[in-house]
Amino acid sequence: MEVTTQQQSRVPENWQGSDASFIAYESLVRQGKQPGIDFSYNPPTQGRRMDMDVEVDFLFSNPSDLAIQVQESFYAHQSGISTQSRDILNKVRLAGFGKTLVLLDHDQLMQDPDWLISEALQYRDHSRG
């Protein structure tokens, strides 16, 4: 599996997750965030569960009140009320624990990952969901 964005990023074969989550991961690193120190990536193969019983791709310790979830392209194109409801419920659950969940739209992420990640790190959610 190989995907290329404007930054010519290539998804390694051993990456556990979506192409878009890898693009987000790389952008976080480019912006100075250190995996395992500033944030953790929770691949879907590990269940992506947190103590708060919410699924997220990226959970931050710096800043400690931020979480990020990548919405795949099928989501952005009307994947159904249950998926959208889950994301809304996850936002509410995390807010109850003092955390902000920022949703990243797949298509926007693939077009300009550094801008979108920069916005997410400032708690700005540009998703359609």
Protein backbone atom coordinates (compact mmCIF):
# COMPACT_ATOMS: atom_id res chain seq x y z
CA MET A 1 0.00 0.00 0.00
CA GLU A 2 1.45 3.34 -0.98
CA VAL A 3 -0.05 6.82 -0.93
CA THR A 4 1.56 10.07 -1.91
CA THR A 5 0.51 13.56 -0.78
CA GLN A 6 1.89 16.93 -1.71
CA GLN A 7 4.71 16.25 0.76
CA GLN A 8 5.53 12.97 -1.04
CA SER A 9 4.82 10.91 2.09
CA ARG A 10 4.82 7.17 1.66
CA VAL A 11 2.90 4.94 3.99
CA PRO A 12 5.11 2.09 5.18
CA GLU A 13 3.76 -1.42 4.74
CA ASN A 14 3.97 -2.08 8.48
CA TRP A 15 1.90 0.98 9.45
CA GLN A 16 -1.06 -0.08 11.60
CA GLY A 17 -3.81 2.23 10.54
CA SER A 18 -5.13 4.21 7.62
CA ASP A 19 -3.12 6.15 5.09
CA ALA A 20 -4.67 9.35 6.41
CA SER A 21 -3.65 8.57 10.00
CA PHE A 22 -0.06 8.11 8.82
CA ILE A 23 -0.17 11.48 7.02
CA ALA A 24 -1.47 13.07 10.24
CA TYR A 25 1.26 11.32 12.27
CA GLU A 26 3.99 12.61 9.96
CA SER A 27 2.60 16.12 10.08
CA LEU A 28 2.53 16.08 13.87
CA VAL A 29 6.21 15.09 13.88
CA ARG A 30 7.07 17.80 11.34
CA GLN A 31 5.42 20.32 13.66
CA GLY A 32 7.67 19.30 16.53
CA LYS A 33 5.40 16.86 18.36
CA GLN A 34 7.24 13.79 19.64
CA PRO A 35 5.52 10.39 19.58
CA GLY A 36 5.45 8.80 23.01
CA ILE A 37 6.18 12.15 24.67
CA ASP A 38 3.69 14.68 23.30
CA PHE A 39 1.16 12.24 21.87
CA SER A 40 0.35 8.59 21.42
CA TYR A 41 -1.03 6.96 18.31
CA ASN A 42 -3.63 4.29 18.96
CA PRO A 43 -3.99 2.03 15.92
CA PRO A 44 -7.32 0.33 15.28
CA THR A 45 -5.63 -3.05 15.70
CA GLN A 46 -5.10 -2.23 19.39
CA GLY A 47 -8.75 -1.40 19.98
CA ARG A 48 -8.06 2.34 20.35
CA ARG A 49 -9.81 2.39 23.71
CA MET A 50 -9.01 4.89 26.39
CA ASP A 51 -10.03 4.83 30.03
CA MET A 52 -12.92 7.05 29.03
CA ASP A 53 -14.22 4.36 26.63
CA VAL A 54 -13.72 6.58 23.59
CA GLU A 55 -11.95 5.61 20.37
CA VAL A 56 -9.38 8.12 19.12
CA ASP A 57 -6.41 7.99 16.79
CA PHE A 58 -4.23 10.49 18.68
CA LEU A 59 -4.27 11.25 22.39
CA PHE A 60 -2.06 14.08 23.62
CA SER A 61 -0.10 14.59 26.79
CA ASN A 62 1.18 17.94 25.47
CA PRO A 63 -1.34 19.56 25.44
CA SER A 64 -3.06 17.17 27.83
CA ASP A 65 -6.59 18.25 26.91
CA LEU A 66 -6.47 17.38 23.18
CA ALA A 67 -7.44 14.31 21.16
CA ILE A 68 -7.61 13.91 17.39
CA GLN A 69 -9.65 11.49 15.28
CA VAL A 70 -9.18 11.09 11.53
CA GLN A 71 -12.45 10.71 9.63
CA GLU A 72 -11.96 8.48 6.61
CA SER A 73 -13.19 9.59 3.20
CA PHE A 74 -16.23 7.30 3.33
CA TYR A 75 -17.31 9.19 6.44
CA ALA A 76 -17.15 12.56 4.77
CA HIS A 77 -19.41 11.29 2.04
CA GLN A 78 -22.45 10.36 4.12
CA SER A 79 -21.36 7.13 5.82
CA GLY A 80 -24.44 7.15 7.96
CA ILE A 81 -26.04 8.55 11.05
CA SER A 82 -24.48 5.95 13.36
CA THR A 83 -20.91 7.02 12.54
CA GLN A 84 -21.74 10.69 12.85
CA SER A 85 -23.59 10.05 16.11
CA ARG A 86 -20.60 8.15 17.49
CA ASP A 87 -18.28 11.08 16.80
CA ILE A 88 -20.66 13.54 18.45
CA LEU A 89 -21.00 11.26 21.47
CA ASN A 90 -17.22 10.88 21.66
CA LYS A 91 -16.82 14.67 21.65
CA VAL A 92 -19.29 14.94 24.52
CA ARG A 93 -17.68 12.10 26.50
CA LEU A 94 -14.21 13.60 26.15
CA ALA A 95 -15.50 17.07 27.06
CA GLY A 96 -16.70 15.54 30.31
CA PHE A 97 -13.08 14.61 31.04
CA GLY A 98 -11.82 18.07 30.10
CA LYS A 99 -10.56 17.04 26.66
CA THR A 100 -11.33 18.49 23.25
CA LEU A 101 -11.77 16.06 20.36
CA VAL A 102 -10.84 17.53 17.00
CA LEU A 103 -12.05 15.63 13.95
CA LEU A 104 -9.90 15.69 10.81
CA ASP A 105 -11.64 15.35 7.46
CA HIS A 106 -9.79 12.82 5.28
CA ASP A 107 -10.01 14.83 2.07
CA GLN A 108 -8.79 18.04 3.70
CA LEU A 109 -5.98 16.13 5.41
CA MET A 110 -4.78 14.65 2.13
CA GLN A 111 -4.76 18.08 0.45
CA ASP A 112 -2.98 20.14 3.11
CA PRO A 113 -1.95 18.06 6.15
CA ASP A 114 0.36 20.60 7.78
CA TRP A 115 -2.25 23.36 7.76
CA LEU A 116 -4.98 21.06 9.08
CA ILE A 117 -2.77 19.64 11.84
CA SER A 118 -1.65 23.14 12.79
CA GLU A 119 -5.31 24.12 13.10
CA ALA A 120 -6.10 20.99 15.14
CA LEU A 121 -3.24 21.78 17.54
CA GLN A 122 -5.00 25.12 18.10
CA TYR A 123 -8.29 23.25 18.79
CA ARG A 124 -9.82 24.33 15.48
CA ASP A 125 -12.08 21.69 13.97
CA HIS A 126 -12.76 22.11 10.24
CA SER A 127 -14.51 18.76 9.78
CA ARG A 128 -17.92 18.39 8.24
CA GLY A 129 -19.06 16.10 11.04
